[in-house]
Amino acid sequence: ARAKVRTGGVTADSIPESALLARFMAGAVR
């Protein structure tokens, strides 16, 4: 299957930190 990641929303706290998003993306590539 494929993954899906939430990168934002209608509140500031729904936007993930860059480090967390980078970790997700690096994990997906690995």
PDB file of all heavy atoms in Angstrom:
ATOM      1  N   ALA A   1       0.842  -1.195   0.000  1.00  0.00           N
ATOM      2  CA  ALA A   1       0.000   0.000   0.000  1.00  0.00           C
ATOM      3  C   ALA A   1       0.880   1.248   0.000  1.00  0.00           C
ATOM      4  O   ALA A   1       2.111   1.181  -0.099  1.00  0.00           O
ATOM      5  CB  ALA A   1      -0.929  -0.013   1.213  1.00  0.00           C
ATOM      6  N   ARG A   2       0.230   2.404   0.105  1.00  0.00           N
ATOM      7  CA  ARG A   2       0.934   3.682   0.148  1.00  0.00           C
ATOM      8  C   ARG A   2       0.549   4.406   1.420  1.00  0.00           C
ATOM      9  O   ARG A   2      -0.499   4.141   2.009  1.00  0.00           O
ATOM     10  CB  ARG A   2       0.598   4.513  -1.085  1.00  0.00           C
ATOM     11  CG  ARG A   2       0.866   3.766  -2.397  1.00  0.00           C
ATOM     12  CD  ARG A   2       0.574   4.625  -3.595  1.00  0.00           C
ATOM     13  NE  ARG A   2       0.621   3.884  -4.845  1.00  0.00           N
ATOM     14  CZ  ARG A   2       1.723   3.553  -5.501  1.00  0.00           C
ATOM     15  NH1 ARG A   2       2.904   3.887  -4.988  1.00  0.00           N
ATOM     16  NH2 ARG A   2       1.666   2.895  -6.645  1.00  0.00           N
ATOM     17  N   ALA A   3       1.378   5.338   1.841  1.00  0.00           N
ATOM     18  CA  ALA A   3       1.119   6.089   3.061  1.00  0.00           C
ATOM     19  C   ALA A   3       0.493   7.439   2.734  1.00  0.00           C
ATOM     20  O   ALA A   3       0.476   7.887   1.583  1.00  0.00           O
ATOM     21  CB  ALA A   3       2.413   6.279   3.848  1.00  0.00           C
ATOM     22  N   LYS A   4      -0.016   8.062   3.759  1.00  0.00           N
ATOM     23  CA  LYS A   4      -0.591   9.399   3.642  1.00  0.00           C
ATOM     24  C   LYS A   4      -0.199  10.170   4.888  1.00  0.00           C
ATOM     25  O   LYS A   4      -0.280   9.637   6.005  1.00  0.00           O
ATOM     26  CB  LYS A   4      -2.114   9.305   3.510  1.00  0.00           C
ATOM     27  CG  LYS A   4      -2.852  10.632   3.421  1.00  0.00           C
ATOM     28  CD  LYS A   4      -4.353  10.366   3.258  1.00  0.00           C
ATOM     29  CE  LYS A   4      -5.180  11.625   3.373  1.00  0.00           C
ATOM     30  NZ  LYS A   4      -6.644  11.334   3.293  1.00  0.00           N
ATOM     31  N   VAL A   5       0.237  11.412   4.693  1.00  0.00           N
ATOM     32  CA  VAL A   5       0.694  12.217   5.816  1.00  0.00           C
ATOM     33  C   VAL A   5      -0.044  13.546   5.820  1.00  0.00           C
ATOM     34  O   VAL A   5      -0.251  14.172   4.774  1.00  0.00           O
ATOM     35  CB  VAL A   5       2.229  12.437   5.759  1.00  0.00           C
ATOM     36  CG1 VAL A   5       2.639  13.214   4.505  1.00  0.00           C
ATOM     37  CG2 VAL A   5       2.725  13.143   7.011  1.00  0.00           C
ATOM     38  N   ARG A   6      -0.444  13.970   7.012  1.00  0.00           N
ATOM     39  CA  ARG A   6      -1.145  15.246   7.158  1.00  0.00           C
ATOM     40  C   ARG A   6      -0.109  16.345   7.350  1.00  0.00           C
ATOM     41  O   ARG A   6       0.695  16.322   8.285  1.00  0.00           O
ATOM     42  CB  ARG A   6      -2.114  15.173   8.338  1.00  0.00           C
ATOM     43  CG  ARG A   6      -3.098  16.333   8.427  1.00  0.00           C
ATOM     44  CD  ARG A   6      -4.312  15.947   9.238  1.00  0.00           C
ATOM     45  NE  ARG A   6      -5.094  14.935   8.556  1.00  0.00           N
ATOM     46  CZ  ARG A   6      -6.051  15.191   7.668  1.00  0.00           C
ATOM     47  NH1 ARG A   6      -6.339  16.442   7.353  1.00  0.00           N
ATOM     48  NH2 ARG A   6      -6.714  14.203   7.102  1.00  0.00           N
ATOM     49  N   THR A   7      -0.146  17.333   6.448  1.00  0.00           N
ATOM     50  CA  THR A   7       0.876  18.387   6.454  1.00  0.00           C
ATOM     51  C   THR A   7       0.334  19.744   6.894  1.00  0.00           C
ATOM     52  O   THR A   7       1.030  20.746   6.811  1.00  0.00           O
ATOM     53  CB  THR A   7       1.504  18.527   5.057  1.00  0.00           C
ATOM     54  OG1 THR A   7       0.477  18.542   4.065  1.00  0.00           O
ATOM     55  CG2 THR A   7       2.442  17.363   4.772  1.00  0.00           C
ATOM     56  N   GLY A   8      -0.904  19.791   7.342  1.00  0.00           N
ATOM     57  CA  GLY A   8      -1.472  21.066   7.786  1.00  0.00           C
ATOM     58  C   GLY A   8      -2.918  20.910   8.175  1.00  0.00           C
ATOM     59  O   GLY A   8      -3.416  19.805   8.396  1.00  0.00           O
ATOM     60  N   GLY A   9      -3.598  22.053   8.253  1.00  0.00           N
ATOM     61  CA  GLY A   9      -4.997  22.082   8.648  1.00  0.00           C
ATOM     62  C   GLY A   9      -5.428  23.509   8.909  1.00  0.00           C
ATOM     63  O   GLY A   9      -4.746  24.461   8.518  1.00  0.00           O
ATOM     64  N   VAL A  10      -6.551  23.663   9.590  1.00  0.00           N
ATOM     65  CA  VAL A  10      -7.110  25.002   9.806  1.00  0.00           C
ATOM     66  C   VAL A  10      -6.672  25.600  11.135  1.00  0.00           C
ATOM     67  O   VAL A  10      -7.122  26.681  11.509  1.00  0.00           O
ATOM     68  CB  VAL A  10      -8.644  24.962   9.706  1.00  0.00           C
ATOM     69  CG1 VAL A  10      -9.079  24.577   8.295  1.00  0.00           C
ATOM     70  CG2 VAL A  10      -9.250  24.015  10.736  1.00  0.00           C
ATOM     71  N   THR A  11      -5.809  24.913  11.864  1.00  0.00           N
ATOM     72  CA  THR A  11      -5.240  25.457  13.097  1.00  0.00           C
ATOM     73  C   THR A  11      -3.723  25.308  13.040  1.00  0.00           C
ATOM     74  O   THR A  11      -3.196  24.397  12.389  1.00  0.00           O
ATOM     75  CB  THR A  11      -5.773  24.721  14.342  1.00  0.00           C
ATOM     76  OG1 THR A  11      -5.446  23.324  14.236  1.00  0.00           O
ATOM     77  CG2 THR A  11      -7.288  24.886  14.471  1.00  0.00           C
ATOM     78  N   ALA A  12      -3.034  26.188  13.729  1.00  0.00           N
ATOM     79  CA  ALA A  12      -1.572  26.182  13.685  1.00  0.00           C
ATOM     80  C   ALA A  12      -0.997  24.879  14.227  1.00  0.00           C
ATOM     81  O   ALA A  12       0.021  24.388  13.731  1.00  0.00           O
ATOM     82  CB  ALA A  12      -1.026  27.371  14.469  1.00  0.00           C
ATOM     83  N   ASP A  13      -1.658  24.291  15.238  1.00  0.00           N
ATOM     84  CA  ASP A  13      -1.108  23.073  15.827  1.00  0.00           C
ATOM     85  C   ASP A  13      -1.293  21.847  14.950  1.00  0.00           C
ATOM     86  O   ASP A  13      -0.796  20.764  15.274  1.00  0.00           O
ATOM     87  CB  ASP A  13      -1.682  22.830  17.224  1.00  0.00           C
ATOM     88  CG  ASP A  13      -3.201  22.665  17.221  1.00  0.00           C
ATOM     89  OD1 ASP A  13      -3.814  22.654  16.137  1.00  0.00           O
ATOM     90  OD2 ASP A  13      -3.779  22.546  18.323  1.00  0.00           O
ATOM     91  N   SER A  14      -2.009  21.991  13.836  1.00  0.00           N
ATOM     92  CA  SER A  14      -2.159  20.870  12.910  1.00  0.00           C
ATOM     93  C   SER A  14      -1.017  20.802  11.897  1.00  0.00           C
ATOM     94  O   SER A  14      -0.952  19.860  11.101  1.00  0.00           O
ATOM     95  CB  SER A  14      -3.495  20.971  12.168  1.00  0.00           C
ATOM     96  OG  SER A  14      -3.548  22.138  11.367  1.00  0.00           O
ATOM     97  N   ILE A  15      -0.131  21.778  11.915  1.00  0.00           N
ATOM     98  CA  ILE A  15       1.013  21.816  10.986  1.00  0.00           C
ATOM     99  C   ILE A  15       2.191  21.113  11.655  1.00  0.00           C
ATOM    100  O   ILE A  15       2.687  21.575  12.688  1.00  0.00           O
ATOM    101  CB  ILE A  15       1.389  23.261  10.633  1.00  0.00           C
ATOM    102  CG1 ILE A  15       0.186  23.985  10.014  1.00  0.00           C
ATOM    103  CG2 ILE A  15       2.574  23.286   9.675  1.00  0.00           C
ATOM    104  CD1 ILE A  15       0.400  25.474   9.832  1.00  0.00           C
ATOM    105  N   PRO A  16       2.666  20.014  11.107  1.00  0.00           N
ATOM    106  CA  PRO A  16       3.756  19.283  11.768  1.00  0.00           C
ATOM    107  C   PRO A  16       5.081  20.028  11.680  1.00  0.00           C
ATOM    108  O   PRO A  16       5.351  20.739  10.717  1.00  0.00           O
ATOM    109  CB  PRO A  16       3.813  17.964  10.998  1.00  0.00           C
ATOM    110  CG  PRO A  16       3.304  18.308   9.636  1.00  0.00           C
ATOM    111  CD  PRO A  16       2.238  19.343   9.868  1.00  0.00           C
ATOM    112  N   GLU A  17       5.907  19.835  12.677  1.00  0.00           N
ATOM    113  CA  GLU A  17       7.241  20.402  12.644  1.00  0.00           C
ATOM    114  C   GLU A  17       8.038  19.781  11.491  1.00  0.00           C
ATOM    115  O   GLU A  17       7.839  18.623  11.130  1.00  0.00           O
ATOM    116  CB  GLU A  17       7.964  20.132  13.967  1.00  0.00           C
ATOM    117  CG  GLU A  17       7.328  20.812  15.172  1.00  0.00           C
ATOM    118  CD  GLU A  17       8.047  20.459  16.461  1.00  0.00           C
ATOM    119  OE1 GLU A  17       9.088  19.750  16.377  1.00  0.00           O
ATOM    120  OE2 GLU A  17       7.571  20.858  17.532  1.00  0.00           O
ATOM    121  N   SER A  18       8.946  20.568  10.952  1.00  0.00           N
ATOM    122  CA  SER A  18       9.736  20.097   9.819  1.00  0.00           C
ATOM    123  C   SER A  18      10.513  18.833  10.145  1.00  0.00           C
ATOM    124  O   SER A  18      10.630  17.924   9.312  1.00  0.00           O
ATOM    125  CB  SER A  18      10.695  21.191   9.357  1.00  0.00           C
ATOM    126  OG  SER A  18       9.992  22.331   8.915  1.00  0.00           O
ATOM    127  N   ALA A  19      11.042  18.732  11.362  1.00  0.00           N
ATOM    128  CA  ALA A  19      11.829  17.563  11.735  1.00  0.00           C
ATOM    129  C   ALA A  19      10.972  16.304  11.733  1.00  0.00           C
ATOM    130  O   ALA A  19      11.428  15.229  11.319  1.00  0.00           O
ATOM    131  CB  ALA A  19      12.464  17.769  13.107  1.00  0.00           C
ATOM    132  N   LEU A  20       9.721  16.419  12.190  1.00  0.00           N
ATOM    133  CA  LEU A  20       8.830  15.260  12.202  1.00  0.00           C
ATOM    134  C   LEU A  20       8.447  14.861  10.779  1.00  0.00           C
ATOM    135  O   LEU A  20       8.387  13.668  10.450  1.00  0.00           O
ATOM    136  CB  LEU A  20       7.583  15.558  13.025  1.00  0.00           C
ATOM    137  CG  LEU A  20       7.799  15.802  14.515  1.00  0.00           C
ATOM    138  CD1 LEU A  20       6.469  16.115  15.196  1.00  0.00           C
ATOM    139  CD2 LEU A  20       8.458  14.597  15.169  1.00  0.00           C
ATOM    140  N   LEU A  21       8.187  15.856   9.937  1.00  0.00           N
ATOM    141  CA  LEU A  21       7.838  15.554   8.550  1.00  0.00           C
ATOM    142  C   LEU A  21       9.033  14.933   7.828  1.00  0.00           C
ATOM    143  O   LEU A  21       8.878  13.975   7.058  1.00  0.00           O
ATOM    144  CB  LEU A  21       7.382  16.836   7.845  1.00  0.00           C
ATOM    145  CG  LEU A  21       6.889  16.695   6.413  1.00  0.00           C
ATOM    146  CD1 LEU A  21       5.783  15.663   6.291  1.00  0.00           C
ATOM    147  CD2 LEU A  21       6.410  18.059   5.894  1.00  0.00           C
ATOM    148  N   ALA A  22      10.233  15.436   8.098  1.00  0.00           N
ATOM    149  CA  ALA A  22      11.435  14.875   7.480  1.00  0.00           C
ATOM    150  C   ALA A  22      11.640  13.429   7.926  1.00  0.00           C
ATOM    151  O   ALA A  22      12.027  12.574   7.120  1.00  0.00           O
ATOM    152  CB  ALA A  22      12.652  15.724   7.836  1.00  0.00           C
ATOM    153  N   ARG A  23      11.393  13.148   9.216  1.00  0.00           N
ATOM    154  CA  ARG A  23      11.542  11.776   9.699  1.00  0.00           C
ATOM    155  C   ARG A  23      10.551  10.840   9.006  1.00  0.00           C
ATOM    156  O   ARG A  23      10.909   9.725   8.599  1.00  0.00           O
ATOM    157  CB  ARG A  23      11.331  11.720  11.215  1.00  0.00           C
ATOM    158  CG  ARG A  23      11.531  10.334  11.801  1.00  0.00           C
ATOM    159  CD  ARG A  23      11.347  10.335  13.302  1.00  0.00           C
ATOM    160  NE  ARG A  23       9.969  10.623  13.689  1.00  0.00           N
ATOM    161  CZ  ARG A  23       9.544  10.693  14.946  1.00  0.00           C
ATOM    162  NH1 ARG A  23      10.408  10.507  15.945  1.00  0.00           N
ATOM    163  NH2 ARG A  23       8.282  10.974  15.226  1.00  0.00           N
ATOM    164  N   PHE A  24       9.300  11.298   8.851  1.00  0.00           N
ATOM    165  CA  PHE A  24       8.306  10.487   8.130  1.00  0.00           C
ATOM    166  C   PHE A  24       8.767  10.213   6.704  1.00  0.00           C
ATOM    167  O   PHE A  24       8.726   9.074   6.231  1.00  0.00           O
ATOM    168  CB  PHE A  24       6.954  11.200   8.125  1.00  0.00           C
ATOM    169  CG  PHE A  24       5.987  10.610   7.135  1.00  0.00           C
ATOM    170  CD1 PHE A  24       5.168   9.554   7.497  1.00  0.00           C
ATOM    171  CD2 PHE A  24       5.908  11.091   5.830  1.00  0.00           C
ATOM    172  CE1 PHE A  24       4.298   8.983   6.571  1.00  0.00           C
ATOM    173  CE2 PHE A  24       5.040  10.528   4.898  1.00  0.00           C
ATOM    174  CZ  PHE A  24       4.230   9.468   5.282  1.00  0.00           C
ATOM    175  N   MET A  25       9.184  11.258   6.005  1.00  0.00           N
ATOM    176  CA  MET A  25       9.562  11.113   4.608  1.00  0.00           C
ATOM    177  C   MET A  25      10.783  10.207   4.455  1.00  0.00           C
ATOM    178  O   MET A  25      10.842   9.351   3.563  1.00  0.00           O
ATOM    179  CB  MET A  25       9.820  12.487   3.989  1.00  0.00           C
ATOM    180  CG  MET A  25       8.568  13.353   3.913  1.00  0.00           C
ATOM    181  SD  MET A  25       8.920  15.098   3.570  1.00  0.00           S
ATOM    182  CE  MET A  25       9.671  14.984   1.958  1.00  0.00           C
ATOM    183  N   ALA A  26      11.767  10.377   5.336  1.00  0.00           N
ATOM    184  CA  ALA A  26      12.959   9.532   5.280  1.00  0.00           C
ATOM    185  C   ALA A  26      12.585   8.077   5.552  1.00  0.00           C
ATOM    186  O   ALA A  26      13.098   7.157   4.903  1.00  0.00           O
ATOM    187  CB  ALA A  26      14.000  10.013   6.287  1.00  0.00           C
ATOM    188  N   GLY A  27      11.673   7.870   6.494  1.00  0.00           N
ATOM    189  CA  GLY A  27      11.220   6.516   6.784  1.00  0.00           C
ATOM    190  C   GLY A  27      10.491   5.902   5.605  1.00  0.00           C
ATOM    191  O   GLY A  27      10.654   4.708   5.315  1.00  0.00           O
ATOM    192  N   ALA A  28       9.691   6.707   4.909  1.00  0.00           N
ATOM    193  CA  ALA A  28       8.975   6.214   3.735  1.00  0.00           C
ATOM    194  C   ALA A  28       9.949   5.822   2.632  1.00  0.00           C
ATOM    195  O   ALA A  28       9.786   4.784   1.975  1.00  0.00           O
ATOM    196  CB  ALA A  28       7.998   7.277   3.240  1.00  0.00           C
ATOM    197  N   VAL A  29      10.970   6.637   2.431  1.00  0.00           N
ATOM    198  CA  VAL A  29      11.972   6.319   1.400  1.00  0.00           C
ATOM    199  C   VAL A  29      12.717   5.039   1.764  1.00  0.00           C
ATOM    200  O   VAL A  29      12.925   4.161   0.918  1.00  0.00           O
ATOM    201  CB  VAL A  29      12.944   7.499   1.216  1.00  0.00           C
ATOM    202  CG1 VAL A  29      14.132   7.095   0.355  1.00  0.00           C
ATOM    203  CG2 VAL A  29      12.219   8.680   0.586  1.00  0.00           C
ATOM    204  N   ARG A  30      13.100   4.895   3.032  1.00  0.00           N
ATOM    205  CA  ARG A  30      13.815   3.684   3.453  1.00  0.00           C
ATOM    206  C   ARG A  30      12.944   2.443   3.277  1.00  0.00           C
ATOM    207  O   ARG A  30      13.424   1.377   2.891  1.00  0.00           O
ATOM    208  CB  ARG A  30      14.266   3.805   4.905  1.00  0.00           C
ATOM    209  CG  ARG A  30      15.476   4.698   5.122  1.00  0.00           C
ATOM    210  CD  ARG A  30      16.045   4.524   6.515  1.00  0.00           C
ATOM    211  NE  ARG A  30      15.091   4.908   7.543  1.00  0.00           N
ATOM    212  CZ  ARG A  30      15.001   6.124   8.061  1.00  0.00           C
ATOM    213  NH1 ARG A  30      15.816   7.088   7.631  1.00  0.00           N
ATOM    214  NH2 ARG A  30      14.122   6.390   9.001  1.00  0.00           N
TER     215      ARG A  30
END
